[in-house]
């Protein structure tokens, strides 16, 4: 058994032992492995270059943001790749009576929660009054 495995890793091993067909089989197997790896790399690269993002991860981010105290709802999340790091633009709805300092602190909490849990590079959080929730024309 060990001799058979060794033959696959030894160049021209099949021809050396008289099993000429083994070199062809090894070539096909290696070719399929290279093809599989190239397809995976292509899919990942195309997704990042077109700023595509997995919808399930956006849903996970949204759930984490919703759990931050003071956040009533998530207006939107726009993640994108910056090299191999993720940066985000996030909109959250806060209570209409939230003052500026509190809104800023809630935004910082959202940013830190995402950075700690998902290892993102940066998040820009914008706060909107919840009264604008039903009128999306007033929101970026």
C-alpha atoms as a PDB file:
ATOM      1  CA  UNK A   1       0.000   0.000   0.000  1.00  0.00           C
ATOM      2  CA  UNK A   2       2.763   2.464   0.933  1.00  0.00           C
ATOM      3  CA  UNK A   3       4.498   1.710  -2.362  1.00  0.00           C
ATOM      4  CA  UNK A   4       1.338   2.607  -4.310  1.00  0.00           C
ATOM      5  CA  UNK A   5       0.981   5.962  -2.537  1.00  0.00           C
ATOM      6  CA  UNK A   6       4.666   6.711  -3.075  1.00  0.00           C
ATOM      7  CA  UNK A   7       4.259   6.130  -6.816  1.00  0.00           C
ATOM      8  CA  UNK A   8       1.659   8.938  -7.051  1.00  0.00           C
ATOM      9  CA  UNK A   9       4.088  11.474  -5.635  1.00  0.00           C
ATOM     10  CA  UNK A  10       7.159  10.332  -7.508  1.00  0.00           C
ATOM     11  CA  UNK A  11       7.477  11.935 -10.977  1.00  0.00           C
ATOM     12  CA  UNK A  12       7.226   9.344 -13.714  1.00  0.00           C
ATOM     13  CA  UNK A  13       6.762   6.728 -11.009  1.00  0.00           C
ATOM     14  CA  UNK A  14       4.262   4.774 -13.057  1.00  0.00           C
ATOM     15  CA  UNK A  15       6.590   4.559 -16.047  1.00  0.00           C
ATOM     16  CA  UNK A  16       9.476   3.607 -13.792  1.00  0.00           C
ATOM     17  CA  UNK A  17       7.524   0.655 -12.409  1.00  0.00           C
ATOM     18  CA  UNK A  18       6.013  -0.294 -15.746  1.00  0.00           C
ATOM     19  CA  UNK A  19       2.483   1.028 -15.027  1.00  0.00           C
ATOM     20  CA  UNK A  20       2.363   3.657 -17.758  1.00  0.00           C
ATOM     21  CA  UNK A  21      -1.334   4.360 -17.208  1.00  0.00           C
ATOM     22  CA  UNK A  22      -0.655   5.579 -13.654  1.00  0.00           C
ATOM     23  CA  UNK A  23       1.043   8.762 -14.900  1.00  0.00           C
ATOM     24  CA  UNK A  24      -2.049   9.682 -16.927  1.00  0.00           C
ATOM     25  CA  UNK A  25      -4.363   9.094 -13.979  1.00  0.00           C
ATOM     26  CA  UNK A  26      -2.142  11.183 -11.687  1.00  0.00           C
ATOM     27  CA  UNK A  27      -2.111  13.979 -14.276  1.00  0.00           C
ATOM     28  CA  UNK A  28      -5.910  13.994 -14.490  1.00  0.00           C
ATOM     29  CA  UNK A  29      -6.277  14.017 -10.683  1.00  0.00           C
ATOM     30  CA  UNK A  30      -3.830  16.912 -10.305  1.00  0.00           C
ATOM     31  CA  UNK A  31      -5.575  18.754 -13.152  1.00  0.00           C
ATOM     32  CA  UNK A  32      -8.951  18.472 -11.399  1.00  0.00           C
ATOM     33  CA  UNK A  33      -7.431  19.686  -8.118  1.00  0.00           C
ATOM     34  CA  UNK A  34      -5.972  22.731  -9.871  1.00  0.00           C
ATOM     35  CA  UNK A  35      -9.295  23.395 -11.640  1.00  0.00           C
ATOM     36  CA  UNK A  36     -11.216  23.149  -8.352  1.00  0.00           C
ATOM     37  CA  UNK A  37      -8.831  25.554  -6.587  1.00  0.00           C
ATOM     38  CA  UNK A  38      -8.961  28.041  -9.454  1.00  0.00           C
ATOM     39  CA  UNK A  39     -12.782  28.059  -9.459  1.00  0.00           C
ATOM     40  CA  UNK A  40     -12.849  28.769  -5.699  1.00  0.00           C
ATOM     41  CA  UNK A  41     -10.339  31.601  -6.090  1.00  0.00           C
ATOM     42  CA  UNK A  42     -12.278  33.016  -9.058  1.00  0.00           C
ATOM     43  CA  UNK A  43     -15.590  33.021  -7.156  1.00  0.00           C
ATOM     44  CA  UNK A  44     -14.070  34.774  -4.146  1.00  0.00           C
ATOM     45  CA  UNK A  45     -12.245  37.346  -6.261  1.00  0.00           C
ATOM     46  CA  UNK A  46     -15.266  38.195  -8.409  1.00  0.00           C
ATOM     47  CA  UNK A  47     -17.452  38.597  -5.320  1.00  0.00           C
ATOM     48  CA  UNK A  48     -14.972  41.006  -3.735  1.00  0.00           C
ATOM     49  CA  UNK A  49     -14.254  42.989  -6.903  1.00  0.00           C
ATOM     50  CA  UNK A  50     -17.951  43.582  -7.560  1.00  0.00           C
ATOM     51  CA  UNK A  51     -18.460  44.510  -3.888  1.00  0.00           C
ATOM     52  CA  UNK A  52     -20.790  41.573  -3.456  1.00  0.00           C
ATOM     53  CA  UNK A  53     -21.435  40.277   0.025  1.00  0.00           C
ATOM     54  CA  UNK A  54     -23.019  37.141   1.410  1.00  0.00           C
ATOM     55  CA  UNK A  55     -26.616  37.989   2.459  1.00  0.00           C
ATOM     56  CA  UNK A  56     -26.434  35.652   5.448  1.00  0.00           C
ATOM     57  CA  UNK A  57     -23.466  37.574   6.885  1.00  0.00           C
ATOM     58  CA  UNK A  58     -25.333  40.864   6.415  1.00  0.00           C
ATOM     59  CA  UNK A  59     -28.241  39.352   8.344  1.00  0.00           C
ATOM     60  CA  UNK A  60     -25.829  38.305  11.104  1.00  0.00           C
ATOM     61  CA  UNK A  61     -24.414  41.836  11.276  1.00  0.00           C
ATOM     62  CA  UNK A  62     -27.948  43.236  11.457  1.00  0.00           C
ATOM     63  CA  UNK A  63     -28.826  40.965  14.370  1.00  0.00           C
ATOM     64  CA  UNK A  64     -25.732  42.079  16.293  1.00  0.00           C
ATOM     65  CA  UNK A  65     -26.520  45.754  15.642  1.00  0.00           C
ATOM     66  CA  UNK A  66     -30.129  45.307  16.780  1.00  0.00           C
ATOM     67  CA  UNK A  67     -28.919  43.939  20.116  1.00  0.00           C
ATOM     68  CA  UNK A  68     -27.066  47.172  20.991  1.00  0.00           C
ATOM     69  CA  UNK A  69     -29.066  49.124  23.616  1.00  0.00           C
ATOM     70  CA  UNK A  70     -30.742  52.196  22.134  1.00  0.00           C
ATOM     71  CA  UNK A  71     -30.978  50.863  18.576  1.00  0.00           C
ATOM     72  CA  UNK A  72     -34.620  50.547  17.569  1.00  0.00           C
ATOM     73  CA  UNK A  73     -34.017  49.168  14.065  1.00  0.00           C
ATOM     74  CA  UNK A  74     -31.375  48.894  11.364  1.00  0.00           C
ATOM     75  CA  UNK A  75     -31.897  51.257   8.439  1.00  0.00           C
ATOM     76  CA  UNK A  76     -29.299  49.623   6.222  1.00  0.00           C
ATOM     77  CA  UNK A  77     -25.894  47.975   6.055  1.00  0.00           C
ATOM     78  CA  UNK A  78     -23.463  48.488   3.188  1.00  0.00           C
ATOM     79  CA  UNK A  79     -20.402  46.306   3.730  1.00  0.00           C
ATOM     80  CA  UNK A  80     -17.550  46.308   1.239  1.00  0.00           C
ATOM     81  CA  UNK A  81     -14.069  44.876   0.971  1.00  0.00           C
ATOM     82  CA  UNK A  82     -11.027  47.076   1.392  1.00  0.00           C
ATOM     83  CA  UNK A  83      -8.231  44.695   0.471  1.00  0.00           C
ATOM     84  CA  UNK A  84      -8.803  41.739   2.745  1.00  0.00           C
ATOM     85  CA  UNK A  85     -10.632  43.778   5.417  1.00  0.00           C
ATOM     86  CA  UNK A  86     -14.322  44.629   5.705  1.00  0.00           C
ATOM     87  CA  UNK A  87     -15.555  48.207   6.134  1.00  0.00           C
ATOM     88  CA  UNK A  88     -19.198  49.172   6.602  1.00  0.00           C
ATOM     89  CA  UNK A  89     -21.620  52.040   6.283  1.00  0.00           C
ATOM     90  CA  UNK A  90     -24.505  51.485   8.692  1.00  0.00           C
ATOM     91  CA  UNK A  91     -27.733  53.368   9.353  1.00  0.00           C
ATOM     92  CA  UNK A  92     -29.639  52.855  12.594  1.00  0.00           C
ATOM     93  CA  UNK A  93     -32.941  54.225  13.845  1.00  0.00           C
ATOM     94  CA  UNK A  94     -32.923  55.771  17.297  1.00  0.00           C
ATOM     95  CA  UNK A  95     -35.647  57.290  19.428  1.00  0.00           C
ATOM     96  CA  UNK A  96     -36.727  60.760  18.241  1.00  0.00           C
ATOM     97  CA  UNK A  97     -35.709  62.326  21.561  1.00  0.00           C
ATOM     98  CA  UNK A  98     -32.145  60.947  21.549  1.00  0.00           C
ATOM     99  CA  UNK A  99     -29.649  63.753  22.072  1.00  0.00           C
ATOM    100  CA  UNK A 100     -26.496  64.097  20.014  1.00  0.00           C
ATOM    101  CA  UNK A 101     -24.102  62.800  22.651  1.00  0.00           C
ATOM    102  CA  UNK A 102     -26.195  59.687  23.281  1.00  0.00           C
ATOM    103  CA  UNK A 103     -26.565  59.058  19.539  1.00  0.00           C
ATOM    104  CA  UNK A 104     -22.800  59.288  19.151  1.00  0.00           C
ATOM    105  CA  UNK A 105     -22.222  56.843  22.021  1.00  0.00           C
ATOM    106  CA  UNK A 106     -24.724  54.366  20.557  1.00  0.00           C
ATOM    107  CA  UNK A 107     -22.919  54.592  17.213  1.00  0.00           C
ATOM    108  CA  UNK A 108     -19.609  53.896  18.941  1.00  0.00           C
ATOM    109  CA  UNK A 109     -21.120  50.895  20.721  1.00  0.00           C
ATOM    110  CA  UNK A 110     -22.392  49.532  17.396  1.00  0.00           C
ATOM    111  CA  UNK A 111     -18.971  50.002  15.805  1.00  0.00           C
ATOM    112  CA  UNK A 112     -17.103  48.381  18.695  1.00  0.00           C
ATOM    113  CA  UNK A 113     -19.537  45.450  18.865  1.00  0.00           C
ATOM    114  CA  UNK A 114     -19.000  44.707  15.169  1.00  0.00           C
ATOM    115  CA  UNK A 115     -15.238  45.167  15.369  1.00  0.00           C
ATOM    116  CA  UNK A 116     -14.940  42.863  18.380  1.00  0.00           C
ATOM    117  CA  UNK A 117     -17.264  40.133  17.155  1.00  0.00           C
ATOM    118  CA  UNK A 118     -16.474  40.038  13.426  1.00  0.00           C
ATOM    119  CA  UNK A 119     -13.002  41.583  13.162  1.00  0.00           C
ATOM    120  CA  UNK A 120     -14.015  44.313  10.729  1.00  0.00           C
ATOM    121  CA  UNK A 121     -11.711  47.242  10.025  1.00  0.00           C
ATOM    122  CA  UNK A 122     -14.132  50.147  10.373  1.00  0.00           C
ATOM    123  CA  UNK A 123     -17.826  50.999  10.574  1.00  0.00           C
ATOM    124  CA  UNK A 124     -19.383  54.394   9.899  1.00  0.00           C
ATOM    125  CA  UNK A 125     -22.652  54.553  11.814  1.00  0.00           C
ATOM    126  CA  UNK A 126     -25.333  57.119  10.962  1.00  0.00           C
ATOM    127  CA  UNK A 127     -28.250  57.712  13.318  1.00  0.00           C
ATOM    128  CA  UNK A 128     -31.738  58.507  12.052  1.00  0.00           C
ATOM    129  CA  UNK A 129     -34.854  59.391  14.067  1.00  0.00           C
ATOM    130  CA  UNK A 130     -37.335  56.554  14.105  1.00  0.00           C
ATOM    131  CA  UNK A 131     -40.077  58.925  12.863  1.00  0.00           C
ATOM    132  CA  UNK A 132     -38.358  58.836   9.433  1.00  0.00           C
ATOM    133  CA  UNK A 133     -38.632  55.054   9.246  1.00  0.00           C
ATOM    134  CA  UNK A 134     -41.820  55.149   7.167  1.00  0.00           C
ATOM    135  CA  UNK A 135     -40.525  57.871   4.866  1.00  0.00           C
ATOM    136  CA  UNK A 136     -37.368  56.479   3.214  1.00  0.00           C
ATOM    137  CA  UNK A 137     -37.075  59.491   0.876  1.00  0.00           C
ATOM    138  CA  UNK A 138     -35.692  61.503   3.806  1.00  0.00           C
ATOM    139  CA  UNK A 139     -32.977  58.966   4.583  1.00  0.00           C
ATOM    140  CA  UNK A 140     -29.684  58.421   2.706  1.00  0.00           C
END
